[in-house]
C-alpha atoms as a PDB file:
ATOM      1  CA  GLU A   1      66.271 176.238 215.887  1.00  0.00           C
ATOM      2  CA  LYS A   2      69.915 175.432 215.100  1.00  0.00           C
ATOM      3  CA  LYS A   3      69.003 174.789 211.477  1.00  0.00           C
ATOM      4  CA  SER A   4      66.796 177.902 211.269  1.00  0.00           C
ATOM      5  CA  LEU A   5      63.804 175.854 210.146  1.00  0.00           C
ATOM      6  CA  LEU A   6      60.230 176.859 210.585  1.00  0.00           C
ATOM      7  CA  LEU A   7      57.849 174.457 212.259  1.00  0.00           C
ATOM      8  CA  ARG A   8      55.750 174.396 209.102  1.00  0.00           C
ATOM      9  CA  GLN A   9      58.754 173.212 207.086  1.00  0.00           C
ATOM     10  CA  VAL A  10      59.259 170.215 209.353  1.00  0.00           C
ATOM     11  CA  ALA A  11      55.507 169.546 209.402  1.00  0.00           C
ATOM     12  CA  ALA A  12      55.380 169.643 205.604  1.00  0.00           C
ATOM     13  CA  HIS A  13      58.233 167.138 205.388  1.00  0.00           C
ATOM     14  CA  LEU A  14      56.363 164.797 207.761  1.00  0.00           C
ATOM     15  CA  GLU A  15      53.094 165.441 205.927  1.00  0.00           C
ATOM     16  CA  VAL A  16      51.324 166.500 209.128  1.00  0.00           C
ATOM     17  CA  ASP A  17      49.711 169.780 210.017  1.00  0.00           C
ATOM     18  CA  THR A  18      51.594 172.465 211.897  1.00  0.00           C
ATOM     19  CA  ALA A  19      49.326 172.148 214.942  1.00  0.00           C
ATOM     20  CA  LEU A  20      50.263 168.482 215.384  1.00  0.00           C
ATOM     21  CA  MET A  21      53.953 169.254 214.921  1.00  0.00           C
ATOM     22  CA  SER A  22      53.646 171.995 217.537  1.00  0.00           C
ATOM     23  CA  LYS A  23      52.101 169.542 220.020  1.00  0.00           C
ATOM     24  CA  ILE A  24      54.918 167.066 219.378  1.00  0.00           C
ATOM     25  CA  GLU A  25      57.481 169.812 219.903  1.00  0.00           C
ATOM     26  CA  ARG A  26      55.871 170.885 223.204  1.00  0.00           C
ATOM     27  CA  GLY A  27      55.588 167.289 224.437  1.00  0.00           C
ATOM     28  CA  GLU A  28      51.797 167.308 224.404  1.00  0.00           C
ATOM     29  CA  ARG A  29      51.694 164.537 221.809  1.00  0.00           C
ATOM     30  CA  ASN A  30      54.100 161.729 220.998  1.00  0.00           C
ATOM     31  CA  ALA A  31      55.508 161.269 217.541  1.00  0.00           C
ATOM     32  CA  SER A  32      55.186 157.883 215.905  1.00  0.00           C
ATOM     33  CA  LYS A  33      58.275 155.772 215.316  1.00  0.00           C
ATOM     34  CA  GLN A  34      58.152 156.556 211.604  1.00  0.00           C
ATOM     35  CA  GLN A  35      57.833 160.281 212.320  1.00  0.00           C
ATOM     36  CA  VAL A  36      60.941 160.123 214.527  1.00  0.00           C
ATOM     37  CA  ILE A  37      62.854 158.421 211.727  1.00  0.00           C
ATOM     38  CA  SER A  38      61.636 161.033 209.219  1.00  0.00           C
ATOM     39  CA  ILE A  39      62.593 163.865 211.549  1.00  0.00           C
ATOM     40  CA  ALA A  40      66.073 162.380 211.977  1.00  0.00           C
ATOM     41  CA  GLN A  41      66.529 162.097 208.209  1.00  0.00           C
ATOM     42  CA  PHE A  42      65.216 165.620 207.622  1.00  0.00           C
ATOM     43  CA  LEU A  43      67.469 167.136 210.283  1.00  0.00           C
ATOM     44  CA  LYS A  44      70.412 164.864 209.415  1.00  0.00           C
ATOM     45  CA  ALA A  45      70.436 163.689 213.038  1.00  0.00           C
ATOM     46  CA  ASP A  46      71.333 160.311 214.511  1.00  0.00           C
ATOM     47  CA  ALA A  47      68.160 158.242 214.054  1.00  0.00           C
ATOM     48  CA  GLU A  48      69.282 155.616 216.564  1.00  0.00           C
ATOM     49  CA  GLU A  49      69.773 158.240 219.262  1.00  0.00           C
ATOM     50  CA  LEU A  50      66.387 159.825 218.592  1.00  0.00           C
ATOM     51  CA  LEU A  51      64.691 156.423 218.573  1.00  0.00           C
ATOM     52  CA  THR A  52      66.328 155.577 221.910  1.00  0.00           C
ATOM     53  CA  LEU A  53      64.957 158.792 223.406  1.00  0.00           C
ATOM     54  CA  TRP A  54      61.549 158.127 221.821  1.00  0.00           C
ATOM     55  CA  LEU A  55      61.442 154.634 223.324  1.00  0.00           C
ATOM     56  CA  ALA A  56      62.489 155.938 226.749  1.00  0.00           C
ATOM     57  CA  ASP A  57      59.588 158.422 226.630  1.00  0.00           C
ATOM     58  CA  LYS A  58      57.183 155.610 225.705  1.00  0.00           C
ATOM     59  CA  ILE A  59      58.405 153.507 228.636  1.00  0.00           C
ATOM     60  CA  GLU A  60      58.127 156.446 231.026  1.00  0.00           C
ATOM     61  CA  SER A  61      54.570 157.274 229.947  1.00  0.00           C
ATOM     62  CA  THR A  62      53.572 153.619 230.369  1.00  0.00           C
ATOM     63  CA  ILE A  63      55.031 153.455 233.875  1.00  0.00           C
ATOM     64  CA  VAL A  64      53.390 156.725 234.915  1.00  0.00           C
ATOM     65  CA  GLU A  65      49.982 155.350 233.912  1.00  0.00           C
ATOM     66  CA  GLU A  66      50.404 152.196 235.997  1.00  0.00           C
ATOM     67  CA  PRO A  67      48.603 152.175 239.353  1.00  0.00           C
ATOM     68  CA  LYS A  68      50.876 152.689 242.320  1.00  0.00           C
ATOM     69  CA  ILE A  69      51.363 149.659 244.547  1.00  0.00           C
ATOM     70  CA  ALA A  70      51.649 150.337 248.248  1.00  0.00           C
ATOM     71  CA  TYR A  71      54.039 148.140 250.184  1.00  0.00           C
ATOM     72  CA  GLU A  72      53.588 147.878 253.895  1.00  0.00           C
END
């Protein structure tokens, strides 16, 4: 939004369809590591920071899927 870009512009840069980019934006789908790097380059953002956030999301989703262990 800050760069006044349309979702289709970002999707075109990543060579994905707009529907997939929309799902990534809404958090319904995770971007790949390479997509995160491409997004960072396209937006002139800090790739390391975005990759750290991406990795944190991956860890969180893995933990959430783990069965809960009950301690008594």
